[in-house]
Amino acid sequence: MSSNIGLRQNRAERRALASAVKFEVNGEVMEGATVNISETGLRIDTAEPLDVTLRFVEDNQQQKYRLQLVWAAKKEEGGMTYGLSFLDD
């Protein structure tokens, strides 16, 4: 995720924090490292991009795609919005 497109800028003061971290995504434990922390959140780096498998129905047919999370942002009306890029199978 080299681009900050769509990422909301943190308004709280950040301080550096370098620590190994484990986090869980849908039951799968992943590893990374913290970069910085603030009153409102933290930034982490991972060795590999977060991959997502997306399933949905289009034209009455089940579709399945592997994608990579590229960016995330909070929506003004609440909730989140995400940018994903397609991965080759």
PDB file of N, CA and C in Angstrom:
ATOM      1  N   MET A   1       0.822  -1.156   0.000  1.00  0.00           N
ATOM      2  CA  MET A   1       0.000   0.000   0.000  1.00  0.00           C
ATOM      3  C   MET A   1       0.880   1.238   0.000  1.00  0.00           C
ATOM      4  N   SER A   2       1.534   1.490  -1.079  1.00  0.00           N
ATOM      5  CA  SER A   2       2.450   2.612  -1.141  1.00  0.00           C
ATOM      6  C   SER A   2       1.743   3.947  -1.310  1.00  0.00           C
ATOM      7  N   SER A   3       0.500   3.929  -1.724  1.00  0.00           N
ATOM      8  CA  SER A   3      -0.231   5.165  -1.971  1.00  0.00           C
ATOM      9  C   SER A   3      -1.104   5.530  -0.786  1.00  0.00           C
ATOM     10  N   ASN A   4      -1.217   6.815  -0.513  1.00  0.00           N
ATOM     11  CA  ASN A   4      -2.102   7.293   0.541  1.00  0.00           C
ATOM     12  C   ASN A   4      -3.426   7.754  -0.024  1.00  0.00           C
ATOM     13  N   ILE A   5      -3.725   7.449  -1.270  1.00  0.00           N
ATOM     14  CA  ILE A   5      -4.981   7.860  -1.884  1.00  0.00           C
ATOM     15  C   ILE A   5      -6.129   7.306  -1.049  1.00  0.00           C
ATOM     16  N   GLY A   6      -7.035   8.191  -0.663  1.00  0.00           N
ATOM     17  CA  GLY A   6      -8.212   7.766   0.068  1.00  0.00           C
ATOM     18  C   GLY A   6      -8.010   7.587   1.555  1.00  0.00           C
ATOM     19  N   LEU A   7      -6.786   7.700   2.045  1.00  0.00           N
ATOM     20  CA  LEU A   7      -6.562   7.543   3.467  1.00  0.00           C
ATOM     21  C   LEU A   7      -6.836   8.861   4.167  1.00  0.00           C
ATOM     22  N   ARG A   8      -7.645   8.825   5.191  1.00  0.00           N
ATOM     23  CA  ARG A   8      -7.924  10.036   5.966  1.00  0.00           C
ATOM     24  C   ARG A   8      -6.688  10.370   6.789  1.00  0.00           C
ATOM     25  N   GLN A   9      -6.293  11.600   6.739  1.00  0.00           N
ATOM     26  CA  GLN A   9      -5.127  12.029   7.497  1.00  0.00           C
ATOM     27  C   GLN A   9      -5.455  12.065   8.979  1.00  0.00           C
ATOM     28  N   ASN A  10      -4.568  11.525   9.788  1.00  0.00           N
ATOM     29  CA  ASN A  10      -4.733  11.488  11.224  1.00  0.00           C
ATOM     30  C   ASN A  10      -4.562  12.891  11.785  1.00  0.00           C
ATOM     31  N   ARG A  11      -5.527  13.351  12.560  1.00  0.00           N
ATOM     32  CA  ARG A  11      -5.466  14.703  13.121  1.00  0.00           C
ATOM     33  C   ARG A  11      -4.825  14.725  14.492  1.00  0.00           C
ATOM     34  N   ALA A  12      -4.655  13.590  15.124  1.00  0.00           N
ATOM     35  CA  ALA A  12      -4.022  13.526  16.436  1.00  0.00           C
ATOM     36  C   ALA A  12      -2.504  13.430  16.266  1.00  0.00           C
ATOM     37  N   GLU A  13      -1.789  13.927  17.239  1.00  0.00           N
ATOM     38  CA  GLU A  13      -0.318  13.868  17.179  1.00  0.00           C
ATOM     39  C   GLU A  13       0.146  12.422  17.236  1.00  0.00           C
ATOM     40  N   ARG A  14       1.080  12.091  16.365  1.00  0.00           N
ATOM     41  CA  ARG A  14       1.609  10.728  16.295  1.00  0.00           C
ATOM     42  C   ARG A  14       2.957  10.658  16.983  1.00  0.00           C
ATOM     43  N   ARG A  15       3.253   9.481  17.514  1.00  0.00           N
ATOM     44  CA  ARG A  15       4.601   9.234  18.026  1.00  0.00           C
ATOM     45  C   ARG A  15       5.058   7.887  17.489  1.00  0.00           C
ATOM     46  N   ALA A  16       6.351   7.804  17.235  1.00  0.00           N
ATOM     47  CA  ALA A  16       6.911   6.570  16.685  1.00  0.00           C
ATOM     48  C   ALA A  16       6.749   5.430  17.678  1.00  0.00           C
ATOM     49  N   LEU A  17       6.461   4.264  17.162  1.00  0.00           N
ATOM     50  CA  LEU A  17       6.363   3.054  17.968  1.00  0.00           C
ATOM     51  C   LEU A  17       6.734   1.888  17.069  1.00  0.00           C
ATOM     52  N   ALA A  18       7.885   1.279  17.329  1.00  0.00           N
ATOM     53  CA  ALA A  18       8.355   0.138  16.541  1.00  0.00           C
ATOM     54  C   ALA A  18       8.231  -1.113  17.392  1.00  0.00           C
ATOM     55  N   SER A  19       7.236  -1.930  17.058  1.00  0.00           N
ATOM     56  CA  SER A  19       6.983  -3.135  17.833  1.00  0.00           C
ATOM     57  C   SER A  19       6.371  -4.191  16.922  1.00  0.00           C
ATOM     58  N   ALA A  20       6.763  -5.443  17.124  1.00  0.00           N
ATOM     59  CA  ALA A  20       6.122  -6.536  16.393  1.00  0.00           C
ATOM     60  C   ALA A  20       4.661  -6.587  16.831  1.00  0.00           C
ATOM     61  N   VAL A  21       3.787  -6.929  15.893  1.00  0.00           N
ATOM     62  CA  VAL A  21       2.362  -6.965  16.200  1.00  0.00           C
ATOM     63  C   VAL A  21       1.728  -8.159  15.504  1.00  0.00           C
ATOM     64  N   LYS A  22       0.763  -8.764  16.161  1.00  0.00           N
ATOM     65  CA  LYS A  22      -0.076  -9.800  15.550  1.00  0.00           C
ATOM     66  C   LYS A  22      -1.482  -9.256  15.545  1.00  0.00           C
ATOM     67  N   PHE A  23      -2.195  -9.469  14.444  1.00  0.00           N
ATOM     68  CA  PHE A  23      -3.571  -9.016  14.353  1.00  0.00           C
ATOM     69  C   PHE A  23      -4.389 -10.076  13.647  1.00  0.00           C
ATOM     70  N   GLU A  24      -5.681 -10.024  13.855  1.00  0.00           N
ATOM     71  CA  GLU A  24      -6.574 -11.049  13.333  1.00  0.00           C
ATOM     72  C   GLU A  24      -7.500 -10.449  12.291  1.00  0.00           C
ATOM     73  N   VAL A  25      -7.577 -11.101  11.149  1.00  0.00           N
ATOM     74  CA  VAL A  25      -8.488 -10.709  10.082  1.00  0.00           C
ATOM     75  C   VAL A  25      -9.361 -11.921   9.790  1.00  0.00           C
ATOM     76  N   ASN A  26     -10.640 -11.819  10.145  1.00  0.00           N
ATOM     77  CA  ASN A  26     -11.592 -12.923   9.935  1.00  0.00           C
ATOM     78  C   ASN A  26     -11.060 -14.260  10.429  1.00  0.00           C
ATOM     79  N   GLY A  27     -10.496 -14.253  11.620  1.00  0.00           N
ATOM     80  CA  GLY A  27     -10.024 -15.490  12.234  1.00  0.00           C
ATOM     81  C   GLY A  27      -8.612 -15.899  11.868  1.00  0.00           C
ATOM     82  N   GLU A  28      -7.987 -15.247  10.899  1.00  0.00           N
ATOM     83  CA  GLU A  28      -6.620 -15.577  10.498  1.00  0.00           C
ATOM     84  C   GLU A  28      -5.649 -14.614  11.180  1.00  0.00           C
ATOM     85  N   VAL A  29      -4.669 -15.166  11.912  1.00  0.00           N
ATOM     86  CA  VAL A  29      -3.685 -14.345  12.595  1.00  0.00           C
ATOM     87  C   VAL A  29      -2.588 -13.958  11.623  1.00  0.00           C
ATOM     88  N   MET A  30      -2.316 -12.653  11.547  1.00  0.00           N
ATOM     89  CA  MET A  30      -1.288 -12.128  10.659  1.00  0.00           C
ATOM     90  C   MET A  30      -0.263 -11.373  11.496  1.00  0.00           C
ATOM     91  N   GLU A  31       0.924 -11.162  10.932  1.00  0.00           N
ATOM     92  CA  GLU A  31       1.973 -10.461  11.650  1.00  0.00           C
ATOM     93  C   GLU A  31       2.410  -9.219  10.897  1.00  0.00           C
ATOM     94  N   GLY A  32       2.875  -8.243  11.636  1.00  0.00           N
ATOM     95  CA  GLY A  32       3.374  -7.009  11.064  1.00  0.00           C
ATOM     96  C   GLY A  32       4.182  -6.270  12.104  1.00  0.00           C
ATOM     97  N   ALA A  33       4.323  -4.972  11.911  1.00  0.00           N
ATOM     98  CA  ALA A  33       5.060  -4.135  12.860  1.00  0.00           C
ATOM     99  C   ALA A  33       4.381  -2.778  12.943  1.00  0.00           C
ATOM    100  N   THR A  34       4.290  -2.237  14.147  1.00  0.00           N
ATOM    101  CA  THR A  34       3.743  -0.908  14.301  1.00  0.00           C
ATOM    102  C   THR A  34       4.746   0.115  13.789  1.00  0.00           C
ATOM    103  N   VAL A  35       4.242   1.220  13.258  1.00  0.00           N
ATOM    104  CA  VAL A  35       5.057   2.321  12.760  1.00  0.00           C
ATOM    105  C   VAL A  35       4.908   3.521  13.681  1.00  0.00           C
ATOM    106  N   ASN A  36       3.641   3.870  13.960  1.00  0.00           N
ATOM    107  CA  ASN A  36       3.386   4.968  14.887  1.00  0.00           C
ATOM    108  C   ASN A  36       2.039   4.762  15.555  1.00  0.00           C
ATOM    109  N   ILE A  37       1.802   5.567  16.591  1.00  0.00           N
ATOM    110  CA  ILE A  37       0.561   5.465  17.352  1.00  0.00           C
ATOM    111  C   ILE A  37       0.127   6.872  17.758  1.00  0.00           C
ATOM    112  N   SER A  38      -1.180   7.063  17.907  1.00  0.00           N
ATOM    113  CA  SER A  38      -1.725   8.335  18.358  1.00  0.00           C
ATOM    114  C   SER A  38      -2.915   8.048  19.257  1.00  0.00           C
ATOM    115  N   GLU A  39      -3.583   9.081  19.711  1.00  0.00           N
ATOM    116  CA  GLU A  39      -4.774   8.900  20.533  1.00  0.00           C
ATOM    117  C   GLU A  39      -5.905   8.251  19.756  1.00  0.00           C
ATOM    118  N   THR A  40      -5.880   8.382  18.426  1.00  0.00           N
ATOM    119  CA  THR A  40      -6.999   7.893  17.619  1.00  0.00           C
ATOM    120  C   THR A  40      -6.724   6.605  16.865  1.00  0.00           C
ATOM    121  N   GLY A  41      -5.497   6.106  16.883  1.00  0.00           N
ATOM    122  CA  GLY A  41      -5.218   4.872  16.157  1.00  0.00           C
ATOM    123  C   GLY A  41      -3.741   4.608  16.014  1.00  0.00           C
ATOM    124  N   LEU A  42      -3.413   3.659  15.152  1.00  0.00           N
ATOM    125  CA  LEU A  42      -2.014   3.341  14.897  1.00  0.00           C
ATOM    126  C   LEU A  42      -1.824   2.918  13.458  1.00  0.00           C
ATOM    127  N   ARG A  43      -0.589   2.956  13.023  1.00  0.00           N
ATOM    128  CA  ARG A  43      -0.227   2.513  11.673  1.00  0.00           C
ATOM    129  C   ARG A  43       0.616   1.269  11.801  1.00  0.00           C
ATOM    130  N   ILE A  44       0.340   0.276  10.931  1.00  0.00           N
ATOM    131  CA  ILE A  44       1.148  -0.940  10.900  1.00  0.00           C
ATOM    132  C   ILE A  44       1.641  -1.182   9.481  1.00  0.00           C
ATOM    133  N   ASP A  45       2.764  -1.857   9.389  1.00  0.00           N
ATOM    134  CA  ASP A  45       3.308  -2.334   8.121  1.00  0.00           C
ATOM    135  C   ASP A  45       3.270  -3.853   8.127  1.00  0.00           C
ATOM    136  N   THR A  46       3.048  -4.453   6.957  1.00  0.00           N
ATOM    137  CA  THR A  46       3.067  -5.899   6.817  1.00  0.00           C
ATOM    138  C   THR A  46       4.030  -6.280   5.699  1.00  0.00           C
ATOM    139  N   ALA A  47       4.573  -7.493   5.786  1.00  0.00           N
ATOM    140  CA  ALA A  47       5.497  -7.977   4.748  1.00  0.00           C
ATOM    141  C   ALA A  47       4.757  -8.205   3.435  1.00  0.00           C
ATOM    142  N   GLU A  48       3.525  -8.636   3.526  1.00  0.00           N
ATOM    143  CA  GLU A  48       2.707  -8.917   2.352  1.00  0.00           C
ATOM    144  C   GLU A  48       1.429  -8.085   2.417  1.00  0.00           C
ATOM    145  N   PRO A  49       0.905  -7.676   1.274  1.00  0.00           N
ATOM    146  CA  PRO A  49      -0.368  -6.956   1.267  1.00  0.00           C
ATOM    147  C   PRO A  49      -1.496  -7.831   1.805  1.00  0.00           C
ATOM    148  N   LEU A  50      -2.522  -7.211   2.333  1.00  0.00           N
ATOM    149  CA  LEU A  50      -3.699  -7.957   2.784  1.00  0.00           C
ATOM    150  C   LEU A  50      -4.502  -8.379   1.570  1.00  0.00           C
ATOM    151  N   ASP A  51      -4.717  -9.675   1.429  1.00  0.00           N
ATOM    152  CA  ASP A  51      -5.513 -10.225   0.336  1.00  0.00           C
ATOM    153  C   ASP A  51      -6.930 -10.460   0.819  1.00  0.00           C
ATOM    154  N   VAL A  52      -7.877 -10.252  -0.074  1.00  0.00           N
ATOM    155  CA  VAL A  52      -9.295 -10.392   0.220  1.00  0.00           C
ATOM    156  C   VAL A  52      -9.907 -11.274  -0.852  1.00  0.00           C
ATOM    157  N   THR A  53     -10.790 -12.184  -0.448  1.00  0.00           N
ATOM    158  CA  THR A  53     -11.579 -12.942  -1.411  1.00  0.00           C
ATOM    159  C   THR A  53     -12.995 -12.395  -1.354  1.00  0.00           C
ATOM    160  N   LEU A  54     -13.499 -11.980  -2.490  1.00  0.00           N
ATOM    161  CA  LEU A  54     -14.811 -11.344  -2.574  1.00  0.00           C
ATOM    162  C   LEU A  54     -15.741 -12.229  -3.396  1.00  0.00           C
ATOM    163  N   ARG A  55     -16.922 -12.504  -2.840  1.00  0.00           N
ATOM    164  CA  ARG A  55     -17.935 -13.296  -3.546  1.00  0.00           C
ATOM    165  C   ARG A  55     -19.212 -12.478  -3.620  1.00  0.00           C
ATOM    166  N   PHE A  56     -19.836 -12.468  -4.783  1.00  0.00           N
ATOM    167  CA  PHE A  56     -21.119 -11.789  -4.949  1.00  0.00           C
ATOM    168  C   PHE A  56     -21.820 -12.352  -6.170  1.00  0.00           C
ATOM    169  N   VAL A  57     -23.107 -12.072  -6.272  1.00  0.00           N
ATOM    170  CA  VAL A  57     -23.913 -12.559  -7.398  1.00  0.00           C
ATOM    171  C   VAL A  57     -24.048 -11.424  -8.406  1.00  0.00           C
ATOM    172  N   GLU A  58     -23.745 -11.739  -9.668  1.00  0.00           N
ATOM    173  CA  GLU A  58     -23.896 -10.793 -10.777  1.00  0.00           C
ATOM    174  C   GLU A  58     -24.537 -11.543 -11.932  1.00  0.00           C
ATOM    175  N   ASP A  59     -25.619 -11.003 -12.462  1.00  0.00           N
ATOM    176  CA  ASP A  59     -26.355 -11.653 -13.552  1.00  0.00           C
ATOM    177  C   ASP A  59     -26.709 -13.091 -13.199  1.00  0.00           C
ATOM    178  N   ASN A  60     -27.176 -13.300 -11.970  1.00  0.00           N
ATOM    179  CA  ASN A  60     -27.595 -14.613 -11.463  1.00  0.00           C
ATOM    180  C   ASN A  60     -26.468 -15.640 -11.423  1.00  0.00           C
ATOM    181  N   GLN A  61     -25.227 -15.195 -11.462  1.00  0.00           N
ATOM    182  CA  GLN A  61     -24.094 -16.118 -11.363  1.00  0.00           C
ATOM    183  C   GLN A  61     -23.187 -15.689 -10.217  1.00  0.00           C
ATOM    184  N   GLN A  62     -22.731 -16.693  -9.459  1.00  0.00           N
ATOM    185  CA  GLN A  62     -21.810 -16.433  -8.357  1.00  0.00           C
ATOM    186  C   GLN A  62     -20.448 -16.032  -8.913  1.00  0.00           C
ATOM    187  N   GLN A  63     -19.935 -14.905  -8.468  1.00  0.00           N
ATOM    188  CA  GLN A  63     -18.617 -14.426  -8.876  1.00  0.00           C
ATOM    189  C   GLN A  63     -17.670 -14.531  -7.682  1.00  0.00           C
ATOM    190  N   LYS A  64     -16.401 -14.807  -7.948  1.00  0.00           N
ATOM    191  CA  LYS A  64     -15.394 -14.893  -6.888  1.00  0.00           C
ATOM    192  C   LYS A  64     -14.116 -14.250  -7.406  1.00  0.00           C
ATOM    193  N   TYR A  65     -13.593 -13.305  -6.648  1.00  0.00           N
ATOM    194  CA  TYR A  65     -12.369 -12.607  -7.043  1.00  0.00           C
ATOM    195  C   TYR A  65     -11.408 -12.542  -5.872  1.00  0.00           C
ATOM    196  N   ARG A  66     -10.118 -12.680  -6.165  1.00  0.00           N
ATOM    197  CA  ARG A  66      -9.064 -12.402  -5.184  1.00  0.00           C
ATOM    198  C   ARG A  66      -8.613 -10.977  -5.418  1.00  0.00           C
ATOM    199  N   LEU A  67      -8.554 -10.200  -4.347  1.00  0.00           N
ATOM    200  CA  LEU A  67      -8.212  -8.791  -4.438  1.00  0.00           C
ATOM    201  C   LEU A  67      -7.184  -8.435  -3.376  1.00  0.00           C
ATOM    202  N   GLN A  68      -6.572  -7.299  -3.565  1.00  0.00           N
ATOM    203  CA  GLN A  68      -5.595  -6.781  -2.619  1.00  0.00           C
ATOM    204  C   GLN A  68      -6.101  -5.431  -2.103  1.00  0.00           C
ATOM    205  N   LEU A  69      -6.109  -5.267  -0.790  1.00  0.00           N
ATOM    206  CA  LEU A  69      -6.520  -4.000  -0.198  1.00  0.00           C
ATOM    207  C   LEU A  69      -5.492  -2.935  -0.543  1.00  0.00           C
ATOM    208  N   VAL A  70      -5.944  -1.825  -1.145  1.00  0.00           N
ATOM    209  CA  VAL A  70      -5.054  -0.753  -1.580  1.00  0.00           C
ATOM    210  C   VAL A  70      -5.194   0.480  -0.691  1.00  0.00           C
ATOM    211  N   TRP A  71      -6.439   0.814  -0.337  1.00  0.00           N
ATOM    212  CA  TRP A  71      -6.659   1.964   0.535  1.00  0.00           C
ATOM    213  C   TRP A  71      -7.959   1.803   1.284  1.00  0.00           C
ATOM    214  N   ALA A  72      -8.093   2.581   2.352  1.00  0.00           N
ATOM    215  CA  ALA A  72      -9.308   2.583   3.152  1.00  0.00           C
ATOM    216  C   ALA A  72      -9.561   3.993   3.653  1.00  0.00           C
ATOM    217  N   ALA A  73     -10.827   4.359   3.802  1.00  0.00           N
ATOM    218  CA  ALA A  73     -11.180   5.692   4.296  1.00  0.00           C
ATOM    219  C   ALA A  73     -12.523   5.628   5.016  1.00  0.00           C
ATOM    220  N   LYS A  74     -12.686   6.488   6.009  1.00  0.00           N
ATOM    221  CA  LYS A  74     -13.979   6.618   6.678  1.00  0.00           C
ATOM    222  C   LYS A  74     -14.902   7.442   5.805  1.00  0.00           C
ATOM    223  N   LYS A  75     -16.166   7.059   5.747  1.00  0.00           N
ATOM    224  CA  LYS A  75     -17.171   7.825   5.007  1.00  0.00           C
ATOM    225  C   LYS A  75     -17.762   8.878   5.934  1.00  0.00           C
ATOM    226  N   GLU A  76     -18.062  10.040   5.396  1.00  0.00           N
ATOM    227  CA  GLU A  76     -18.618  11.121   6.206  1.00  0.00           C
ATOM    228  C   GLU A  76     -19.911  10.713   6.893  1.00  0.00           C
ATOM    229  N   GLU A  77     -20.750   9.920   6.223  1.00  0.00           N
ATOM    230  CA  GLU A  77     -22.026   9.505   6.790  1.00  0.00           C
ATOM    231  C   GLU A  77     -21.906   8.282   7.696  1.00  0.00           C
ATOM    232  N   GLY A  78     -20.688   7.831   7.931  1.00  0.00           N
ATOM    233  CA  GLY A  78     -20.429   6.671   8.776  1.00  0.00           C
ATOM    234  C   GLY A  78     -20.024   5.464   7.948  1.00  0.00           C
ATOM    235  N   GLY A  79     -19.402   4.522   8.568  1.00  0.00           N
ATOM    236  CA  GLY A  79     -18.932   3.330   7.873  1.00  0.00           C
ATOM    237  C   GLY A  79     -17.594   3.570   7.195  1.00  0.00           C
ATOM    238  N   MET A  80     -17.190   2.625   6.393  1.00  0.00           N
ATOM    239  CA  MET A  80     -15.893   2.661   5.716  1.00  0.00           C
ATOM    240  C   MET A  80     -16.081   2.431   4.227  1.00  0.00           C
ATOM    241  N   THR A  81     -15.108   2.877   3.440  1.00  0.00           N
ATOM    242  CA  THR A  81     -15.043   2.571   2.019  1.00  0.00           C
ATOM    243  C   THR A  81     -13.634   2.071   1.725  1.00  0.00           C
ATOM    244  N   TYR A  82     -13.510   1.103   0.812  1.00  0.00           N
ATOM    245  CA  TYR A  82     -12.226   0.459   0.537  1.00  0.00           C
ATOM    246  C   TYR A  82     -11.931   0.449  -0.955  1.00  0.00           C
ATOM    247  N   GLY A  83     -10.670   0.587  -1.294  1.00  0.00           N
ATOM    248  CA  GLY A  83     -10.212   0.401  -2.662  1.00  0.00           C
ATOM    249  C   GLY A  83      -9.457  -0.903  -2.767  1.00  0.00           C
ATOM    250  N   LEU A  84      -9.823  -1.739  -3.741  1.00  0.00           N
ATOM    251  CA  LEU A  84      -9.223  -3.054  -3.907  1.00  0.00           C
ATOM    252  C   LEU A  84      -8.770  -3.220  -5.348  1.00  0.00           C
ATOM    253  N   SER A  85      -7.654  -3.907  -5.546  1.00  0.00           N
ATOM    254  CA  SER A  85      -7.203  -4.199  -6.912  1.00  0.00           C
ATOM    255  C   SER A  85      -7.256  -5.706  -7.136  1.00  0.00           C
ATOM    256  N   PHE A  86      -7.570  -6.104  -8.366  1.00  0.00           N
ATOM    257  CA  PHE A  86      -7.684  -7.517  -8.706  1.00  0.00           C
ATOM    258  C   PHE A  86      -6.317  -8.182  -8.730  1.00  0.00           C
ATOM    259  N   LEU A  87      -6.266  -9.433  -8.241  1.00  0.00           N
ATOM    260  CA  LEU A  87      -5.057 -10.247  -8.269  1.00  0.00           C
ATOM    261  C   LEU A  87      -5.231 -11.331  -9.324  1.00  0.00           C
ATOM    262  N   ASP A  88      -4.155 -11.712  -9.972  1.00  0.00           N
ATOM    263  CA  ASP A  88      -4.204 -12.818 -10.912  1.00  0.00           C
ATOM    264  C   ASP A  88      -4.349 -14.112 -10.142  1.00  0.00           C
ATOM    265  N   ASP A  89      -5.191 -15.001 -10.642  1.00  0.00           N
ATOM    266  CA  ASP A  89      -5.363 -16.309  -9.979  1.00  0.00           C
ATOM    267  C   ASP A  89      -4.322 -17.286 -10.428  1.00  0.00           C
TER     268      ASP A  89
END
